Amino acid sequence: MSIDHLGETPVYLQLATILRDRIRSGDLVVGRPVPSLPHLMADYEISRGTAARAVKVLVDEKLVRIVPGRGAYVIAQR
């Protein structure tokens, strides 16, 4: 999936949707890390702030948790 940098939907929300879909499909597995911010930046040609904001959306939705010094990890859904 790709990001439409000129689309009406903010880029961070597009990325959050992509990551959410990857979690729900099982491509990103519970207990495993979400791609790092540098990887997201390179893969989607976005800024660090945009990548971090997308991950924050998933943290707020309780799909991902931040482990200080380690990264963001997919958590089990209830």
C-alpha atoms as a PDB file:
ATOM      1  CA  MET A   1       0.000   0.000   0.000  1.00  0.00           C
ATOM      2  CA  SER A   2       1.217   3.506  -0.666  1.00  0.00           C
ATOM      3  CA  ILE A   3       0.748   6.986   0.732  1.00  0.00           C
ATOM      4  CA  ASP A   4      -0.970   9.704  -1.299  1.00  0.00           C
ATOM      5  CA  HIS A   5       1.083  12.704  -0.225  1.00  0.00           C
ATOM      6  CA  LEU A   6      -1.285  15.082  -2.020  1.00  0.00           C
ATOM      7  CA  GLY A   7      -4.530  13.450  -0.885  1.00  0.00           C
ATOM      8  CA  GLU A   8      -7.162  14.936   1.386  1.00  0.00           C
ATOM      9  CA  THR A   9      -6.498  12.456   4.202  1.00  0.00           C
ATOM     10  CA  PRO A  10      -3.524  13.476   6.358  1.00  0.00           C
ATOM     11  CA  VAL A  11      -0.446  11.345   5.719  1.00  0.00           C
ATOM     12  CA  TYR A  12      -0.192  10.190   9.344  1.00  0.00           C
ATOM     13  CA  LEU A  13      -3.764   8.847   9.194  1.00  0.00           C
ATOM     14  CA  GLN A  14      -3.023   7.055   5.926  1.00  0.00           C
ATOM     15  CA  LEU A  15      -0.001   5.400   7.529  1.00  0.00           C
ATOM     16  CA  ALA A  16      -1.983   4.511  10.655  1.00  0.00           C
ATOM     17  CA  THR A  17      -4.560   2.810   8.418  1.00  0.00           C
ATOM     18  CA  ILE A  18      -1.850   0.860   6.581  1.00  0.00           C
ATOM     19  CA  LEU A  19      -0.295  -0.320   9.855  1.00  0.00           C
ATOM     20  CA  ARG A  20      -3.713  -1.114  11.373  1.00  0.00           C
ATOM     21  CA  ASP A  21      -4.581  -3.229   8.330  1.00  0.00           C
ATOM     22  CA  ARG A  22      -1.239  -5.042   8.607  1.00  0.00           C
ATOM     23  CA  ILE A  23      -1.947  -5.816  12.275  1.00  0.00           C
ATOM     24  CA  ARG A  24      -5.459  -7.078  11.565  1.00  0.00           C
ATOM     25  CA  SER A  25      -4.281  -9.231   8.647  1.00  0.00           C
ATOM     26  CA  GLY A  26      -1.584 -10.835  10.792  1.00  0.00           C
ATOM     27  CA  ASP A  27       1.266  -9.375   8.761  1.00  0.00           C
ATOM     28  CA  LEU A  28       2.380  -7.606  11.954  1.00  0.00           C
ATOM     29  CA  VAL A  29       2.216 -10.231  14.698  1.00  0.00           C
ATOM     30  CA  VAL A  30       1.336  -9.799  18.384  1.00  0.00           C
ATOM     31  CA  GLY A  31       4.486  -9.411  20.463  1.00  0.00           C
ATOM     32  CA  ARG A  32       6.610  -8.385  17.484  1.00  0.00           C
ATOM     33  CA  PRO A  33       7.768  -4.843  16.765  1.00  0.00           C
ATOM     34  CA  VAL A  34       6.138  -2.417  14.405  1.00  0.00           C
ATOM     35  CA  PRO A  35       8.658  -1.177  11.809  1.00  0.00           C
ATOM     36  CA  SER A  36      10.945   1.430  13.357  1.00  0.00           C
ATOM     37  CA  LEU A  37      10.454   5.128  12.683  1.00  0.00           C
ATOM     38  CA  PRO A  38      13.514   5.237  10.378  1.00  0.00           C
ATOM     39  CA  HIS A  39      12.112   2.302   8.377  1.00  0.00           C
ATOM     40  CA  LEU A  40       8.682   3.933   8.120  1.00  0.00           C
ATOM     41  CA  MET A  41      10.340   7.194   7.079  1.00  0.00           C
ATOM     42  CA  ALA A  42      12.312   5.485   4.316  1.00  0.00           C
ATOM     43  CA  ASP A  43       9.534   3.164   3.130  1.00  0.00           C
ATOM     44  CA  TYR A  44       6.866   5.870   2.899  1.00  0.00           C
ATOM     45  CA  GLU A  45       9.039   8.962   2.308  1.00  0.00           C
ATOM     46  CA  ILE A  46       7.673  10.775   5.348  1.00  0.00           C
ATOM     47  CA  SER A  47       9.108  12.777   8.226  1.00  0.00           C
ATOM     48  CA  ARG A  48       9.925  11.343  11.638  1.00  0.00           C
ATOM     49  CA  GLY A  49       7.118  13.384  13.204  1.00  0.00           C
ATOM     50  CA  THR A  50       4.572  11.993  10.763  1.00  0.00           C
ATOM     51  CA  ALA A  51       5.701   8.414  11.417  1.00  0.00           C
ATOM     52  CA  ALA A  52       5.607   8.976  15.183  1.00  0.00           C
ATOM     53  CA  ARG A  53       2.148  10.520  14.970  1.00  0.00           C
ATOM     54  CA  ALA A  54       0.832   7.480  13.050  1.00  0.00           C
ATOM     55  CA  VAL A  55       2.246   5.113  15.680  1.00  0.00           C
ATOM     56  CA  LYS A  56       0.673   7.284  18.412  1.00  0.00           C
ATOM     57  CA  VAL A  57      -2.730   6.785  16.781  1.00  0.00           C
ATOM     58  CA  LEU A  58      -2.245   3.013  17.127  1.00  0.00           C
ATOM     59  CA  VAL A  59      -1.107   3.401  20.738  1.00  0.00           C
ATOM     60  CA  ASP A  60      -4.270   5.401  21.469  1.00  0.00           C
ATOM     61  CA  GLU A  61      -6.331   2.631  19.821  1.00  0.00           C
ATOM     62  CA  LYS A  62      -4.543   0.074  22.045  1.00  0.00           C
ATOM     63  CA  LEU A  63      -3.190  -1.856  19.062  1.00  0.00           C
ATOM     64  CA  VAL A  64       0.438  -1.026  19.877  1.00  0.00           C
ATOM     65  CA  ARG A  65       2.420  -0.268  23.015  1.00  0.00           C
ATOM     66  CA  ILE A  66       5.665   1.624  23.345  1.00  0.00           C
ATOM     67  CA  VAL A  67       8.512  -0.113  25.170  1.00  0.00           C
ATOM     68  CA  PRO A  68      10.962   2.617  26.179  1.00  0.00           C
ATOM     69  CA  GLY A  69      14.315   2.151  24.509  1.00  0.00           C
ATOM     70  CA  ARG A  70      13.034  -0.791  22.422  1.00  0.00           C
ATOM     71  CA  GLY A  71      10.302   0.503  20.100  1.00  0.00           C
ATOM     72  CA  ALA A  72       6.619  -0.065  19.427  1.00  0.00           C
ATOM     73  CA  TYR A  73       5.130  -3.558  19.710  1.00  0.00           C
ATOM     74  CA  VAL A  74       1.833  -5.060  18.584  1.00  0.00           C
ATOM     75  CA  ILE A  75      -0.326  -6.099  21.533  1.00  0.00           C
ATOM     76  CA  ALA A  76      -3.065  -8.716  21.831  1.00  0.00           C
ATOM     77  CA  GLN A  77      -6.580  -7.579  21.022  1.00  0.00           C
ATOM     78  CA  ARG A  78      -9.429  -8.194  23.445  1.00  0.00           C
END
